[in-house]
Amino acid sequence: MPRERISLKTNAEIMLMREAGLITAAALAEVRKAIKPGVSTLELDAIAEKTIISHGAKSNFKLVPGYSHTICVSINDEVVHGIPKADRIIQAGDIVSVDCGAQTPNGWNADAAFSVVVPGGDPEVVQRREALSKVCEDSLWAGIAKLASATRLNEVGRAVEGSIRTSGRYGILQDYIGHGVGRSMHEDPAVFNYQTRDLGPVIENGLVIAIEPMITQGSQAVRILADNWTVSTKDGADGAHWEHTVAKHADGVWVLTAEDGGVEGLKPYGVTPIKPKL
């Protein structure tokens, strides 16, 4: 990818993006607290919207042409891009993936996602779904940790895939990947969740990307449902989705959408996130 297509951020701009990251994290935290049996996905959307607005920001998902909600909520075999609906009711034992982003008044963006299994339901199903979510989350942190030392971007994708493959037989979505973040929620470069033949662009200080593995319990094959948004597995297997917006700067990495900057998530990898100097 040509270098000029990748927007590198100054430390001061990364600090401004941190504001968008913390607002996104706050919205996801409020949604996570509200996830329980009997709650509709549209109710979760309203909670995220209220939280983002209360911080003086706006939903960047609503800036995507054709999309009119603040979050995506995907349940069980829906991996990503699930549309919030009043009649989509969460059940005990469901695995729920929530994706959200915020844009601050000064025009900076952030993007993050998590998966969680609702307590209750069949214990065997719950255990399997919790394992799926953990594999996906662990692969996210493996990718973030690699970004701290990598010289080419696809080293991140190799680390994500490697983490998943050592955990078992899981499908990794091929057509849905991470991306750059900045003045727009989606920028160059593409951030793959698997090893590619091309090593990808050279990693330079000021790179800000969203790393977001999306995996399934079965085949990687997916289909788009009739709403033209929701991505579901063809074989009906469960899916999981985790994401953080991460900055690479001269002194290391900083996870902009993690409240602690990524301290706990990176600890198992021996990496300490560092706030950029101004």
Protein backbone atom coordinates (compact mmCIF):
# COMPACT_ATOMS: atom_id res chain seq x y z
CA MET A 1 0.00 0.00 0.00
CA PRO A 2 1.43 3.43 -0.94
CA ARG A 3 2.65 5.30 2.14
CA GLU A 4 0.76 8.47 1.18
CA ARG A 5 -2.57 6.69 1.59
CA ILE A 6 -1.93 6.07 5.30
CA SER A 7 -2.63 9.01 7.59
CA LEU A 8 -0.07 9.13 10.39
CA LYS A 9 -1.05 10.98 13.56
CA THR A 10 1.03 13.24 15.76
CA ASN A 11 1.19 12.56 19.49
CA ALA A 12 -1.16 15.50 20.04
CA GLU A 13 -3.66 14.01 17.59
CA ILE A 14 -3.41 10.62 19.28
CA MET A 15 -4.30 12.33 22.56
CA LEU A 16 -7.38 13.82 20.89
CA MET A 17 -8.31 10.38 19.58
CA ARG A 18 -8.00 9.04 23.11
CA GLU A 19 -11.04 11.16 24.00
CA ALA A 20 -13.08 9.40 21.33
CA GLY A 21 -11.69 6.09 22.57
CA LEU A 22 -12.77 6.67 26.15
CA ILE A 23 -16.26 7.73 25.06
CA THR A 24 -16.56 4.58 22.97
CA ALA A 25 -15.36 2.52 25.94
CA ALA A 26 -17.93 4.20 28.21
CA ALA A 27 -20.76 3.45 25.80
CA LEU A 28 -19.75 -0.20 25.51
CA ALA A 29 -19.44 -0.49 29.31
CA GLU A 30 -22.99 0.79 29.77
CA VAL A 31 -24.32 -1.56 27.12
CA ARG A 32 -22.49 -4.49 28.67
CA LYS A 33 -24.10 -3.80 32.05
CA ALA A 34 -27.53 -3.83 30.44
CA ILE A 35 -27.20 -7.14 28.58
CA LYS A 36 -29.52 -9.67 30.20
CA PRO A 37 -32.42 -11.94 29.23
CA GLY A 38 -35.49 -10.04 28.08
CA VAL A 39 -33.69 -6.92 26.87
CA SER A 40 -34.08 -5.96 23.22
CA THR A 41 -31.12 -5.04 21.07
CA LEU A 42 -32.85 -1.74 20.27
CA GLU A 43 -32.81 -0.91 23.99
CA LEU A 44 -29.05 -1.50 24.00
CA ASP A 45 -28.73 0.85 21.04
CA ALA A 46 -30.56 3.60 22.95
CA ILE A 47 -28.22 3.17 25.94
CA ALA A 48 -25.14 3.56 23.74
CA GLU A 49 -26.62 6.60 22.00
CA LYS A 50 -27.47 8.30 25.30
CA THR A 51 -23.98 7.66 26.68
CA ILE A 52 -22.18 9.01 23.64
CA ILE A 53 -24.35 12.15 23.50
CA SER A 54 -23.88 12.74 27.23
CA HIS A 55 -20.14 13.04 26.58
CA GLY A 56 -20.69 15.63 23.87
CA ALA A 57 -19.89 13.27 21.00
CA LYS A 58 -21.90 11.53 18.27
CA SER A 59 -22.19 8.05 16.88
CA ASN A 60 -19.88 7.53 13.92
CA PHE A 61 -21.86 4.45 12.92
CA LYS A 62 -24.69 6.82 11.96
CA LEU A 63 -22.29 8.50 9.55
CA VAL A 64 -22.01 5.28 7.54
CA PRO A 65 -24.31 5.61 4.48
CA GLY A 66 -27.49 3.60 4.95
CA TYR A 67 -26.95 2.82 8.65
CA SER A 68 -29.18 4.54 11.22
CA HIS A 69 -28.12 3.01 14.55
CA THR A 70 -25.42 3.67 17.13
CA ILE A 71 -24.23 0.08 17.56
CA CYS A 72 -24.24 -3.26 15.83
CA VAL A 73 -25.53 -6.15 17.95
CA SER A 74 -24.91 -9.66 16.67
CA ILE A 75 -26.24 -12.74 18.45
CA ASN A 76 -25.10 -16.37 18.23
CA ASP A 77 -24.61 -17.23 14.52
CA GLU A 78 -24.61 -13.52 13.64
CA VAL A 79 -20.95 -12.54 13.67
CA VAL A 80 -21.00 -8.82 12.84
CA HIS A 81 -23.19 -5.92 11.66
CA GLY A 82 -26.39 -7.06 13.38
CA ILE A 83 -29.02 -4.29 13.28
CA PRO A 84 -30.68 -3.38 16.63
CA LYS A 85 -34.38 -4.26 16.62
CA ALA A 86 -37.25 -3.94 19.10
CA ASP A 87 -38.25 -7.57 18.57
CA ARG A 88 -34.71 -9.01 18.83
CA ILE A 89 -34.76 -10.14 22.45
CA ILE A 90 -31.70 -11.43 24.26
CA GLN A 91 -32.02 -14.90 25.78
CA ALA A 92 -30.11 -16.68 28.54
CA GLY A 93 -27.03 -18.38 27.12
CA ASP A 94 -26.76 -16.17 24.03
CA ILE A 95 -23.37 -14.95 22.87
CA VAL A 96 -23.81 -11.26 22.12
CA SER A 97 -21.28 -9.18 20.15
CA VAL A 98 -21.53 -5.39 20.31
CA ASP A 99 -19.64 -3.00 18.04
CA CYS A 100 -19.63 0.77 18.64
CA GLY A 101 -17.81 3.96 17.73
CA ALA A 102 -17.81 7.64 18.62
CA GLN A 103 -16.71 10.84 16.92
CA THR A 104 -15.78 13.87 19.02
CA PRO A 105 -16.74 17.45 18.05
CA ASN A 106 -13.20 18.00 16.78
CA GLY A 107 -13.70 15.20 14.27
CA TRP A 108 -11.63 12.33 15.69
CA ASN A 109 -12.95 8.77 15.78
CA ALA A 110 -12.62 5.49 17.68
CA ASP A 111 -14.07 2.02 17.18
CA ALA A 112 -14.29 -1.01 19.51
CA ALA A 113 -16.24 -4.21 20.10
CA PHE A 114 -16.68 -7.01 22.61
CA SER A 115 -18.49 -10.33 22.93
CA VAL A 116 -20.16 -11.63 26.08
CA VAL A 117 -22.16 -14.73 26.97
CA VAL A 118 -25.42 -14.12 28.82
CA PRO A 119 -25.61 -16.14 32.07
CA GLY A 120 -28.06 -19.02 32.19
CA GLY A 121 -29.17 -21.51 29.58
CA ASP A 122 -27.55 -24.83 28.72
CA PRO A 123 -24.24 -25.03 30.67
CA GLU A 124 -22.51 -26.92 27.86
CA VAL A 125 -23.52 -24.30 25.28
CA VAL A 126 -22.50 -21.46 27.59
CA GLN A 127 -19.08 -23.05 28.19
CA ARG A 128 -18.49 -23.48 24.47
CA ARG A 129 -19.50 -19.91 23.72
CA GLU A 130 -17.36 -18.49 26.52
CA ALA A 131 -14.38 -20.40 25.15
CA LEU A 132 -15.07 -18.98 21.67
CA SER A 133 -15.18 -15.43 23.02
CA LYS A 134 -11.97 -15.90 24.97
CA VAL A 135 -10.12 -17.26 21.94
CA CYS A 136 -11.23 -14.22 19.95
CA GLU A 137 -10.30 -11.76 22.72
CA ASP A 138 -6.92 -13.41 23.28
CA SER A 139 -6.15 -13.15 19.56
CA LEU A 140 -6.94 -9.44 19.68
CA TRP A 141 -4.42 -8.87 22.46
CA ALA A 142 -1.87 -11.04 20.69
CA GLY A 143 -2.20 -8.75 17.68
CA ILE A 144 -1.95 -5.59 19.77
CA ALA A 145 1.15 -6.93 21.54
CA LYS A 146 2.77 -7.71 18.20
CA LEU A 147 2.12 -4.18 16.96
CA ALA A 148 4.51 -2.95 19.67
CA SER A 149 7.49 -4.66 18.02
CA ALA A 150 6.44 -5.37 14.42
CA THR A 151 8.05 -3.69 11.43
CA ARG A 152 5.45 -4.72 8.82
CA LEU A 153 1.71 -4.62 9.39
CA ASN A 154 0.88 -8.20 8.48
CA GLU A 155 2.99 -9.39 11.40
CA VAL A 156 -0.09 -8.35 13.37
CA GLY A 157 -2.34 -10.55 11.25
CA ARG A 158 0.07 -13.44 11.63
CA ALA A 159 0.00 -13.03 15.43
CA VAL A 160 -3.81 -12.91 15.48
CA GLU A 161 -4.11 -16.05 13.36
CA GLY A 162 -1.39 -17.82 15.30
CA SER A 163 -3.18 -17.20 18.58
CA ILE A 164 -6.43 -18.56 17.16
CA ARG A 165 -4.83 -21.64 15.55
CA THR A 166 -3.08 -22.67 18.77
CA SER A 167 -6.46 -22.63 20.54
CA GLY A 168 -8.33 -25.02 18.26
CA ARG A 169 -10.21 -25.26 14.98
CA TYR A 170 -12.00 -21.97 14.47
CA GLY A 171 -13.09 -20.15 11.34
CA ILE A 172 -11.54 -16.73 10.71
CA LEU A 173 -13.65 -14.40 8.59
CA GLN A 174 -11.76 -13.53 5.42
CA ASP A 175 -13.74 -10.63 3.98
CA TYR A 176 -14.20 -8.64 7.19
CA ILE A 177 -11.04 -7.12 8.61
CA GLY A 178 -9.60 -4.27 10.66
CA HIS A 179 -8.72 -0.81 9.35
CA GLY A 180 -7.09 2.50 10.00
CA VAL A 181 -8.88 5.06 12.18
CA GLY A 182 -8.62 8.84 12.34
CA ARG A 183 -10.71 11.64 10.86
CA SER A 184 -12.87 8.85 9.50
CA MET A 185 -13.86 5.65 11.30
CA HIS A 186 -12.58 3.64 8.34
CA GLU A 187 -9.25 4.61 6.82
CA ASP A 188 -6.31 2.86 5.21
CA PRO A 189 -4.56 0.56 5.85
CA ALA A 190 -6.40 -2.76 5.80
CA VAL A 191 -5.58 -4.82 8.90
CA PHE A 192 -5.92 -8.53 8.22
CA ASN A 193 -6.66 -11.09 10.94
CA TYR A 194 -4.63 -13.76 9.22
CA GLN A 195 -1.31 -14.17 7.47
CA THR A 196 -1.18 -12.93 3.89
CA ARG A 197 1.48 -13.37 1.23
CA ASP A 198 2.14 -9.63 1.27
CA LEU A 199 3.91 -8.40 4.40
CA GLY A 200 1.85 -5.23 4.34
CA PRO A 201 3.03 -1.63 4.77
CA VAL A 202 5.96 -0.66 6.97
CA ILE A 203 4.76 0.31 10.44
CA GLU A 204 5.57 3.93 11.21
CA ASN A 205 5.05 6.00 14.32
CA GLY A 206 1.67 7.68 14.26
CA LEU A 207 -0.17 4.66 12.85
CA VAL A 208 -3.62 4.25 14.43
CA ILE A 209 -5.57 1.11 13.57
CA ALA A 210 -8.55 -0.92 14.66
CA ILE A 211 -7.60 -4.55 15.16
CA GLU A 212 -10.76 -6.67 15.13
CA PRO A 213 -10.69 -10.45 14.85
CA MET A 214 -14.01 -12.09 13.93
CA ILE A 215 -14.13 -15.85 14.35
CA THR A 216 -16.62 -18.70 14.29
CA GLN A 217 -17.03 -22.04 15.99
CA GLY A 218 -17.22 -23.70 12.58
CA SER A 219 -16.67 -22.69 8.97
CA GLN A 220 -15.46 -19.23 7.94
CA ALA A 221 -18.19 -19.12 5.27
CA VAL A 222 -20.77 -16.39 5.92
CA ARG A 223 -23.81 -14.86 4.27
CA ILE A 224 -25.51 -11.48 4.49
CA LEU A 225 -29.10 -11.65 5.72
CA ALA A 226 -32.13 -10.05 4.09
CA ASP A 227 -31.59 -6.77 5.98
CA ASN A 228 -28.45 -6.29 3.84
CA TRP A 229 -26.28 -5.76 6.92
CA THR A 230 -26.19 -8.73 9.29
CA VAL A 231 -23.36 -11.18 8.59
CA SER A 232 -24.27 -14.71 9.68
CA THR A 233 -22.46 -18.04 9.43
CA LYS A 234 -23.68 -20.33 6.66
CA ASP A 235 -23.42 -23.41 8.85
CA GLY A 236 -25.22 -21.86 11.84
CA ALA A 237 -22.09 -21.90 14.02
CA ASP A 238 -21.64 -19.25 16.71
CA GLY A 239 -19.44 -16.22 16.12
CA ALA A 240 -17.44 -13.78 18.25
CA HIS A 241 -16.00 -10.31 17.61
CA TRP A 242 -13.49 -8.26 19.62
CA GLU A 243 -11.93 -4.93 18.66
CA HIS A 244 -9.79 -2.07 19.95
CA THR A 245 -8.42 1.11 18.40
CA VAL A 246 -4.66 1.17 18.97
CA ALA A 247 -1.98 3.82 18.41
CA LYS A 248 1.67 3.09 17.60
CA HIS A 249 4.00 5.94 18.51
CA ALA A 250 7.70 6.51 19.15
CA ASP A 251 7.62 5.04 22.66
CA GLY A 252 5.32 2.06 22.11
CA VAL A 253 1.60 1.32 21.79
CA TRP A 254 -1.45 2.71 23.53
CA VAL A 255 -4.92 1.17 23.39
CA LEU A 256 -7.20 4.16 22.92
CA THR A 257 -10.47 2.31 23.57
CA ALA A 258 -9.34 0.53 26.75
CA GLU A 259 -9.89 2.47 29.97
CA ASP A 260 -6.48 1.41 31.30
CA GLY A 261 -4.77 1.95 27.95
CA GLY A 262 -4.34 -1.81 27.57
CA VAL A 263 -2.40 -2.57 30.77
CA GLU A 264 -4.27 -5.72 31.81
CA GLY A 265 -4.76 -7.10 28.30
CA LEU A 266 -1.09 -6.73 27.38
CA LYS A 267 0.34 -7.93 30.69
CA PRO A 268 0.43 -11.64 29.65
CA TYR A 269 2.55 -10.66 26.63
CA GLY A 270 5.11 -8.70 28.63
CA VAL A 271 4.14 -5.45 26.90
CA THR A 272 3.42 -2.24 28.80
CA PRO A 273 1.31 0.33 26.97
CA ILE A 274 2.72 3.85 27.01
CA LYS A 275 0.94 7.18 26.76
CA PRO A 276 2.59 9.30 24.04
CA LYS A 277 4.63 12.30 25.09
CA LEU A 278 3.48 15.79 24.10
